[in-house]
Amino acid sequence: MSKRQLSKDQQDEIITQLQDYLEQEHDLRIGNLEAASLLDELEKTLGACFYNQGLQDAAAVTSRKAEDVIDELYALERPTPFSPK
């Protein structure tokens, strides 16, 4: 897994959300540098968990869609003299 690829705007928004959360819920005010450091630590600690869950979710959707495609293909079969009755 490569390093997080958030845009500057995304990073800034997450940093603002972290700051707002900490201030509202814990009466703790932190600056941009501290919030950016917290974001980095959260990514290191939790990022792989969320990434792996995303992969599992995508694999499940892909598997269901593949089954749908297979069902559609079987529906296109034409009867032959050798088809079971």
PDB file of N, CA and C in Angstrom:
ATOM      1  N   MET A   1       0.849  -1.163   0.000  1.00  0.00           N
ATOM      2  CA  MET A   1       0.000   0.000   0.000  1.00  0.00           C
ATOM      3  C   MET A   1       0.895   1.227   0.000  1.00  0.00           C
ATOM      4  N   SER A   2       0.634   2.136  -0.885  1.00  0.00           N
ATOM      5  CA  SER A   2       1.448   3.338  -0.963  1.00  0.00           C
ATOM      6  C   SER A   2       0.961   4.378   0.045  1.00  0.00           C
ATOM      7  N   LYS A   3       1.781   5.381   0.232  1.00  0.00           N
ATOM      8  CA  LYS A   3       1.431   6.477   1.140  1.00  0.00           C
ATOM      9  C   LYS A   3       0.133   7.115   0.692  1.00  0.00           C
ATOM     10  N   ARG A   4      -0.608   7.592   1.642  1.00  0.00           N
ATOM     11  CA  ARG A   4      -1.887   8.255   1.391  1.00  0.00           C
ATOM     12  C   ARG A   4      -1.728   9.313   0.302  1.00  0.00           C
ATOM     13  N   GLN A   5      -2.683   9.373  -0.589  1.00  0.00           N
ATOM     14  CA  GLN A   5      -2.629  10.319  -1.697  1.00  0.00           C
ATOM     15  C   GLN A   5      -3.808  11.287  -1.627  1.00  0.00           C
ATOM     16  N   LEU A   6      -3.940  11.977  -0.523  1.00  0.00           N
ATOM     17  CA  LEU A   6      -5.001  12.958  -0.387  1.00  0.00           C
ATOM     18  C   LEU A   6      -4.551  14.271  -1.008  1.00  0.00           C
ATOM     19  N   SER A   7      -5.491  14.953  -1.608  1.00  0.00           N
ATOM     20  CA  SER A   7      -5.167  16.269  -2.147  1.00  0.00           C
ATOM     21  C   SER A   7      -4.965  17.245  -0.985  1.00  0.00           C
ATOM     22  N   LYS A   8      -4.363  18.362  -1.270  1.00  0.00           N
ATOM     23  CA  LYS A   8      -4.155  19.396  -0.247  1.00  0.00           C
ATOM     24  C   LYS A   8      -5.491  19.824   0.339  1.00  0.00           C
ATOM     25  N   ASP A   9      -6.508  19.976  -0.523  1.00  0.00           N
ATOM     26  CA  ASP A   9      -7.838  20.364  -0.047  1.00  0.00           C
ATOM     27  C   ASP A   9      -8.428  19.305   0.884  1.00  0.00           C
ATOM     28  N   GLN A  10      -8.255  18.022   0.538  1.00  0.00           N
ATOM     29  CA  GLN A  10      -8.762  16.946   1.394  1.00  0.00           C
ATOM     30  C   GLN A  10      -8.047  16.947   2.744  1.00  0.00           C
ATOM     31  N   GLN A  11      -6.727  17.084   2.717  1.00  0.00           N
ATOM     32  CA  GLN A  11      -5.960  17.124   3.964  1.00  0.00           C
ATOM     33  C   GLN A  11      -6.416  18.286   4.836  1.00  0.00           C
ATOM     34  N   ASP A  12      -6.564  19.450   4.220  1.00  0.00           N
ATOM     35  CA  ASP A  12      -6.990  20.631   4.974  1.00  0.00           C
ATOM     36  C   ASP A  12      -8.367  20.421   5.596  1.00  0.00           C
ATOM     37  N   GLU A  13      -9.281  19.814   4.846  1.00  0.00           N
ATOM     38  CA  GLU A  13     -10.633  19.571   5.359  1.00  0.00           C
ATOM     39  C   GLU A  13     -10.603  18.586   6.527  1.00  0.00           C
ATOM     40  N   ILE A  14      -9.831  17.517   6.404  1.00  0.00           N
ATOM     41  CA  ILE A  14      -9.740  16.529   7.486  1.00  0.00           C
ATOM     42  C   ILE A  14      -9.099  17.155   8.720  1.00  0.00           C
ATOM     43  N   ILE A  15      -8.074  17.940   8.523  1.00  0.00           N
ATOM     44  CA  ILE A  15      -7.416  18.622   9.641  1.00  0.00           C
ATOM     45  C   ILE A  15      -8.410  19.526  10.362  1.00  0.00           C
ATOM     46  N   THR A  16      -9.199  20.270   9.599  1.00  0.00           N
ATOM     47  CA  THR A  16     -10.218  21.139  10.194  1.00  0.00           C
ATOM     48  C   THR A  16     -11.246  20.319  10.964  1.00  0.00           C
ATOM     49  N   GLN A  17     -11.666  19.192  10.394  1.00  0.00           N
ATOM     50  CA  GLN A  17     -12.639  18.336  11.078  1.00  0.00           C
ATOM     51  C   GLN A  17     -12.062  17.760  12.371  1.00  0.00           C
ATOM     52  N   LEU A  18     -10.804  17.356  12.344  1.00  0.00           N
ATOM     53  CA  LEU A  18     -10.160  16.859  13.566  1.00  0.00           C
ATOM     54  C   LEU A  18     -10.100  17.950  14.634  1.00  0.00           C
ATOM     55  N   GLN A  19      -9.712  19.144  14.223  1.00  0.00           N
ATOM     56  CA  GLN A  19      -9.636  20.254  15.165  1.00  0.00           C
ATOM     57  C   GLN A  19     -11.011  20.559  15.760  1.00  0.00           C
ATOM     58  N   ASP A  20     -12.029  20.608  14.906  1.00  0.00           N
ATOM     59  CA  ASP A  20     -13.391  20.887  15.379  1.00  0.00           C
ATOM     60  C   ASP A  20     -13.867  19.810  16.350  1.00  0.00           C
ATOM     61  N   TYR A  21     -13.626  18.550  16.010  1.00  0.00           N
ATOM     62  CA  TYR A  21     -14.044  17.445  16.872  1.00  0.00           C
ATOM     63  C   TYR A  21     -13.383  17.549  18.244  1.00  0.00           C
ATOM     64  N   LEU A  22     -12.074  17.725  18.255  1.00  0.00           N
ATOM     65  CA  LEU A  22     -11.357  17.777  19.524  1.00  0.00           C
ATOM     66  C   LEU A  22     -11.796  18.965  20.375  1.00  0.00           C
ATOM     67  N   GLU A  23     -12.086  20.075  19.720  1.00  0.00           N
ATOM     68  CA  GLU A  23     -12.530  21.248  20.475  1.00  0.00           C
ATOM     69  C   GLU A  23     -13.949  21.048  21.021  1.00  0.00           C
ATOM     70  N   GLN A  24     -14.848  20.535  20.199  1.00  0.00           N
ATOM     71  CA  GLN A  24     -16.246  20.382  20.614  1.00  0.00           C
ATOM     72  C   GLN A  24     -16.433  19.253  21.626  1.00  0.00           C
ATOM     73  N   GLU A  25     -15.775  18.141  21.400  1.00  0.00           N
ATOM     74  CA  GLU A  25     -16.002  16.962  22.239  1.00  0.00           C
ATOM     75  C   GLU A  25     -15.078  16.881  23.454  1.00  0.00           C
ATOM     76  N   HIS A  26     -13.902  17.500  23.359  1.00  0.00           N
ATOM     77  CA  HIS A  26     -12.912  17.341  24.433  1.00  0.00           C
ATOM     78  C   HIS A  26     -12.356  18.672  24.937  1.00  0.00           C
ATOM     79  N   ASP A  27     -12.926  19.767  24.441  1.00  0.00           N
ATOM     80  CA  ASP A  27     -12.466  21.101  24.831  1.00  0.00           C
ATOM     81  C   ASP A  27     -10.944  21.224  24.691  1.00  0.00           C
ATOM     82  N   LEU A  28     -10.436  20.677  23.594  1.00  0.00           N
ATOM     83  CA  LEU A  28      -9.003  20.661  23.326  1.00  0.00           C
ATOM     84  C   LEU A  28      -8.749  21.379  22.006  1.00  0.00           C
ATOM     85  N   ARG A  29      -7.938  22.414  22.071  1.00  0.00           N
ATOM     86  CA  ARG A  29      -7.617  23.174  20.862  1.00  0.00           C
ATOM     87  C   ARG A  29      -6.207  22.800  20.407  1.00  0.00           C
ATOM     88  N   ILE A  30      -6.108  22.368  19.143  1.00  0.00           N
ATOM     89  CA  ILE A  30      -4.793  22.042  18.586  1.00  0.00           C
ATOM     90  C   ILE A  30      -4.610  22.826  17.294  1.00  0.00           C
ATOM     91  N   GLY A  31      -3.370  23.095  16.968  1.00  0.00           N
ATOM     92  CA  GLY A  31      -3.058  23.831  15.756  1.00  0.00           C
ATOM     93  C   GLY A  31      -2.994  22.914  14.541  1.00  0.00           C
ATOM     94  N   ASN A  32      -2.728  23.525  13.406  1.00  0.00           N
ATOM     95  CA  ASN A  32      -2.659  22.774  12.150  1.00  0.00           C
ATOM     96  C   ASN A  32      -1.553  21.725  12.165  1.00  0.00           C
ATOM     97  N   LEU A  33      -0.399  22.070  12.720  1.00  0.00           N
ATOM     98  CA  LEU A  33       0.723  21.132  12.752  1.00  0.00           C
ATOM     99  C   LEU A  33       0.384  19.909  13.606  1.00  0.00           C
ATOM    100  N   GLU A  34      -0.210  20.150  14.762  1.00  0.00           N
ATOM    101  CA  GLU A  34      -0.593  19.036  15.631  1.00  0.00           C
ATOM    102  C   GLU A  34      -1.675  18.174  14.982  1.00  0.00           C
ATOM    103  N   ALA A  35      -2.636  18.821  14.339  1.00  0.00           N
ATOM    104  CA  ALA A  35      -3.710  18.073  13.671  1.00  0.00           C
ATOM    105  C   ALA A  35      -3.163  17.276  12.493  1.00  0.00           C
ATOM    106  N   ALA A  36      -2.210  17.850  11.762  1.00  0.00           N
ATOM    107  CA  ALA A  36      -1.591  17.123  10.649  1.00  0.00           C
ATOM    108  C   ALA A  36      -0.813  15.919  11.173  1.00  0.00           C
ATOM    109  N   SER A  37      -0.140  16.094  12.299  1.00  0.00           N
ATOM    110  CA  SER A  37       0.589  14.983  12.915  1.00  0.00           C
ATOM    111  C   SER A  37      -0.383  13.898  13.377  1.00  0.00           C
ATOM    112  N   LEU A  38      -1.513  14.300  13.948  1.00  0.00           N
ATOM    113  CA  LEU A  38      -2.541  13.340  14.360  1.00  0.00           C
ATOM    114  C   LEU A  38      -3.082  12.588  13.148  1.00  0.00           C
ATOM    115  N   LEU A  39      -3.326  13.300  12.063  1.00  0.00           N
ATOM    116  CA  LEU A  39      -3.803  12.660  10.833  1.00  0.00           C
ATOM    117  C   LEU A  39      -2.788  11.629  10.345  1.00  0.00           C
ATOM    118  N   ASP A  40      -1.518  11.976  10.359  1.00  0.00           N
ATOM    119  CA  ASP A  40      -0.475  11.026   9.949  1.00  0.00           C
ATOM    120  C   ASP A  40      -0.477   9.782  10.837  1.00  0.00           C
ATOM    121  N   GLU A  41      -0.607   9.983  12.143  1.00  0.00           N
ATOM    122  CA  GLU A  41      -0.602   8.851  13.077  1.00  0.00           C
ATOM    123  C   GLU A  41      -1.836   7.974  12.888  1.00  0.00           C
ATOM    124  N   LEU A  42      -2.989   8.592  12.689  1.00  0.00           N
ATOM    125  CA  LEU A  42      -4.211   7.819  12.434  1.00  0.00           C
ATOM    126  C   LEU A  42      -4.068   6.997  11.158  1.00  0.00           C
ATOM    127  N   GLU A  43      -3.478   7.604  10.149  1.00  0.00           N
ATOM    128  CA  GLU A  43      -3.284   6.884   8.884  1.00  0.00           C
ATOM    129  C   GLU A  43      -2.360   5.693   9.089  1.00  0.00           C
ATOM    130  N   LYS A  44      -1.277   5.891   9.833  1.00  0.00           N
ATOM    131  CA  LYS A  44      -0.339   4.790  10.081  1.00  0.00           C
ATOM    132  C   LYS A  44      -0.989   3.685  10.906  1.00  0.00           C
ATOM    133  N   THR A  45      -1.778   4.081  11.886  1.00  0.00           N
ATOM    134  CA  THR A  45      -2.382   3.120  12.804  1.00  0.00           C
ATOM    135  C   THR A  45      -3.594   2.420  12.207  1.00  0.00           C
ATOM    136  N   LEU A  46      -4.456   3.172  11.533  1.00  0.00           N
ATOM    137  CA  LEU A  46      -5.744   2.642  11.082  1.00  0.00           C
ATOM    138  C   LEU A  46      -5.885   2.511   9.573  1.00  0.00           C
ATOM    139  N   GLY A  47      -5.028   3.171   8.839  1.00  0.00           N
ATOM    140  CA  GLY A  47      -5.176   3.216   7.383  1.00  0.00           C
ATOM    141  C   GLY A  47      -5.281   1.854   6.729  1.00  0.00           C
ATOM    142  N   ALA A  48      -4.414   0.938   7.111  1.00  0.00           N
ATOM    143  CA  ALA A  48      -4.421  -0.392   6.495  1.00  0.00           C
ATOM    144  C   ALA A  48      -5.718  -1.141   6.795  1.00  0.00           C
ATOM    145  N   CYS A  49      -6.272  -0.929   7.984  1.00  0.00           N
ATOM    146  CA  CYS A  49      -7.545  -1.593   8.328  1.00  0.00           C
ATOM    147  C   CYS A  49      -8.661  -1.125   7.401  1.00  0.00           C
ATOM    148  N   PHE A  50      -8.774   0.182   7.221  1.00  0.00           N
ATOM    149  CA  PHE A  50      -9.811   0.725   6.341  1.00  0.00           C
ATOM    150  C   PHE A  50      -9.556   0.337   4.888  1.00  0.00           C
ATOM    151  N   TYR A  51      -8.297   0.346   4.491  1.00  0.00           N
ATOM    152  CA  TYR A  51      -7.931  -0.043   3.128  1.00  0.00           C
ATOM    153  C   TYR A  51      -8.323  -1.494   2.867  1.00  0.00           C
ATOM    154  N   ASN A  52      -7.959  -2.379   3.793  1.00  0.00           N
ATOM    155  CA  ASN A  52      -8.280  -3.800   3.628  1.00  0.00           C
ATOM    156  C   ASN A  52      -9.782  -4.036   3.605  1.00  0.00           C
ATOM    157  N   GLN A  53     -10.528  -3.323   4.453  1.00  0.00           N
ATOM    158  CA  GLN A  53     -11.980  -3.468   4.447  1.00  0.00           C
ATOM    159  C   GLN A  53     -12.552  -3.005   3.113  1.00  0.00           C
ATOM    160  N   GLY A  54     -12.003  -1.934   2.569  1.00  0.00           N
ATOM    161  CA  GLY A  54     -12.432  -1.459   1.256  1.00  0.00           C
ATOM    162  C   GLY A  54     -12.177  -2.495   0.172  1.00  0.00           C
ATOM    163  N   LEU A  55     -11.019  -3.150   0.243  1.00  0.00           N
ATOM    164  CA  LEU A  55     -10.720  -4.213  -0.721  1.00  0.00           C
ATOM    165  C   LEU A  55     -11.697  -5.373  -0.590  1.00  0.00           C
ATOM    166  N   GLN A  56     -12.000  -5.761   0.649  1.00  0.00           N
ATOM    167  CA  GLN A  56     -12.948  -6.858   0.866  1.00  0.00           C
ATOM    168  C   GLN A  56     -14.335  -6.495   0.349  1.00  0.00           C
ATOM    169  N   ASP A  57     -14.758  -5.268   0.591  1.00  0.00           N
ATOM    170  CA  ASP A  57     -16.059  -4.817   0.098  1.00  0.00           C
ATOM    171  C   ASP A  57     -16.087  -4.820  -1.427  1.00  0.00           C
ATOM    172  N   ALA A  58     -15.016  -4.331  -2.046  1.00  0.00           N
ATOM    173  CA  ALA A  58     -14.941  -4.303  -3.510  1.00  0.00           C
ATOM    174  C   ALA A  58     -14.928  -5.718  -4.077  1.00  0.00           C
ATOM    175  N   ALA A  59     -14.212  -6.625  -3.426  1.00  0.00           N
ATOM    176  CA  ALA A  59     -14.165  -8.015  -3.890  1.00  0.00           C
ATOM    177  C   ALA A  59     -15.545  -8.659  -3.804  1.00  0.00           C
ATOM    178  N   ALA A  60     -16.284  -8.371  -2.741  1.00  0.00           N
ATOM    179  CA  ALA A  60     -17.629  -8.938  -2.590  1.00  0.00           C
ATOM    180  C   ALA A  60     -18.560  -8.425  -3.682  1.00  0.00           C
ATOM    181  N   VAL A  61     -18.497  -7.137  -3.970  1.00  0.00           N
ATOM    182  CA  VAL A  61     -19.331  -6.568  -5.035  1.00  0.00           C
ATOM    183  C   VAL A  61     -18.950  -7.172  -6.376  1.00  0.00           C
ATOM    184  N   THR A  62     -17.650  -7.272  -6.631  1.00  0.00           N
ATOM    185  CA  THR A  62     -17.172  -7.837  -7.891  1.00  0.00           C
ATOM    186  C   THR A  62     -17.623  -9.282  -8.039  1.00  0.00           C
ATOM    187  N   SER A  63     -17.564 -10.040  -6.964  1.00  0.00           N
ATOM    188  CA  SER A  63     -17.993 -11.437  -7.002  1.00  0.00           C
ATOM    189  C   SER A  63     -19.480 -11.546  -7.324  1.00  0.00           C
ATOM    190  N   ARG A  64     -20.291 -10.710  -6.679  1.00  0.00           N
ATOM    191  CA  ARG A  64     -21.734 -10.730  -6.964  1.00  0.00           C
ATOM    192  C   ARG A  64     -22.014 -10.347  -8.409  1.00  0.00           C
ATOM    193  N   LYS A  65     -21.317  -9.347  -8.899  1.00  0.00           N
ATOM    194  CA  LYS A  65     -21.524  -8.913 -10.284  1.00  0.00           C
ATOM    195  C   LYS A  65     -21.087 -10.002 -11.254  1.00  0.00           C
ATOM    196  N   ALA A  66     -19.994 -10.697 -10.949  1.00  0.00           N
ATOM    197  CA  ALA A  66     -19.530 -11.786 -11.813  1.00  0.00           C
ATOM    198  C   ALA A  66     -20.567 -12.903 -11.857  1.00  0.00           C
ATOM    199  N   GLU A  67     -21.176 -13.208 -10.716  1.00  0.00           N
ATOM    200  CA  GLU A  67     -22.232 -14.225 -10.694  1.00  0.00           C
ATOM    201  C   GLU A  67     -23.415 -13.794 -11.554  1.00  0.00           C
ATOM    202  N   ASP A  68     -23.758 -12.506 -11.495  1.00  0.00           N
ATOM    203  CA  ASP A  68     -24.854 -11.991 -12.329  1.00  0.00           C
ATOM    204  C   ASP A  68     -24.534 -12.149 -13.813  1.00  0.00           C
ATOM    205  N   VAL A  69     -23.287 -11.851 -14.187  1.00  0.00           N
ATOM    206  CA  VAL A  69     -22.876 -11.984 -15.588  1.00  0.00           C
ATOM    207  C   VAL A  69     -22.961 -13.444 -16.024  1.00  0.00           C
ATOM    208  N   ILE A  70     -22.507 -14.352 -15.181  1.00  0.00           N
ATOM    209  CA  ILE A  70     -22.568 -15.784 -15.512  1.00  0.00           C
ATOM    210  C   ILE A  70     -24.016 -16.219 -15.692  1.00  0.00           C
ATOM    211  N   ASP A  71     -24.900 -15.772 -14.802  1.00  0.00           N
ATOM    212  CA  ASP A  71     -26.323 -16.098 -14.940  1.00  0.00           C
ATOM    213  C   ASP A  71     -26.878 -15.577 -16.264  1.00  0.00           C
ATOM    214  N   GLU A  72     -26.507 -14.363 -16.619  1.00  0.00           N
ATOM    215  CA  GLU A  72     -26.961 -13.777 -17.886  1.00  0.00           C
ATOM    216  C   GLU A  72     -26.440 -14.576 -19.079  1.00  0.00           C
ATOM    217  N   LEU A  73     -25.195 -15.026 -18.996  1.00  0.00           N
ATOM    218  CA  LEU A  73     -24.633 -15.821 -20.090  1.00  0.00           C
ATOM    219  C   LEU A  73     -25.369 -17.150 -20.239  1.00  0.00           C
ATOM    220  N   TYR A  74     -25.645 -17.816 -19.127  1.00  0.00           N
ATOM    221  CA  TYR A  74     -26.393 -19.074 -19.201  1.00  0.00           C
ATOM    222  C   TYR A  74     -27.796 -18.850 -19.762  1.00  0.00           C
ATOM    223  N   ALA A  75     -28.375 -17.707 -19.491  1.00  0.00           N
ATOM    224  CA  ALA A  75     -29.713 -17.398 -20.011  1.00  0.00           C
ATOM    225  C   ALA A  75     -29.703 -17.260 -21.532  1.00  0.00           C
ATOM    226  N   LEU A  76     -28.546 -16.999 -22.105  1.00  0.00           N
ATOM    227  CA  LEU A  76     -28.433 -16.855 -23.561  1.00  0.00           C
ATOM    228  C   LEU A  76     -28.270 -18.191 -24.278  1.00  0.00           C
ATOM    229  N   GLU A  77     -28.058 -19.262 -23.524  1.00  0.00           N
ATOM    230  CA  GLU A  77     -27.870 -20.566 -24.163  1.00  0.00           C
ATOM    231  C   GLU A  77     -29.104 -20.944 -24.973  1.00  0.00           C
ATOM    232  N   ARG A  78     -28.832 -21.602 -26.072  1.00  0.00           N
ATOM    233  CA  ARG A  78     -29.911 -22.083 -26.931  1.00  0.00           C
ATOM    234  C   ARG A  78     -30.023 -23.591 -26.769  1.00  0.00           C
ATOM    235  N   PRO A  79     -31.232 -24.110 -26.893  1.00  0.00           N
ATOM    236  CA  PRO A  79     -31.383 -25.562 -26.770  1.00  0.00           C
ATOM    237  C   PRO A  79     -30.719 -26.282 -27.935  1.00  0.00           C
ATOM    238  N   THR A  80     -30.210 -27.439 -27.644  1.00  0.00           N
ATOM    239  CA  THR A  80     -29.621 -28.305 -28.669  1.00  0.00           C
ATOM    240  C   THR A  80     -30.260 -29.681 -28.526  1.00  0.00           C
ATOM    241  N   PRO A  81     -30.044 -30.539 -29.511  1.00  0.00           N
ATOM    242  CA  PRO A  81     -30.586 -31.893 -29.373  1.00  0.00           C
ATOM    243  C   PRO A  81     -29.998 -32.628 -28.173  1.00  0.00           C
ATOM    244  N   PHE A  82     -28.883 -32.139 -27.671  1.00  0.00           N
ATOM    245  CA  PHE A  82     -28.210 -32.805 -26.555  1.00  0.00           C
ATOM    246  C   PHE A  82     -28.545 -32.168 -25.206  1.00  0.00           C
ATOM    247  N   SER A  83     -29.395 -31.135 -25.214  1.00  0.00           N
ATOM    248  CA  SER A  83     -29.756 -30.455 -23.964  1.00  0.00           C
ATOM    249  C   SER A  83     -30.568 -31.379 -23.078  1.00  0.00           C
ATOM    250  N   PRO A  84     -30.350 -31.324 -21.775  1.00  0.00           N
ATOM    251  CA  PRO A  84     -31.177 -32.128 -20.864  1.00  0.00           C
ATOM    252  C   PRO A  84     -32.622 -31.629 -20.898  1.00  0.00           C
ATOM    253  N   LYS A  85     -33.543 -32.559 -20.718  1.00  0.00           N
ATOM    254  CA  LYS A  85     -34.962 -32.194 -20.794  1.00  0.00           C
ATOM    255  C   LYS A  85     -35.528 -31.925 -19.451  1.00  0.00           C
TER     256      LYS A  85
END
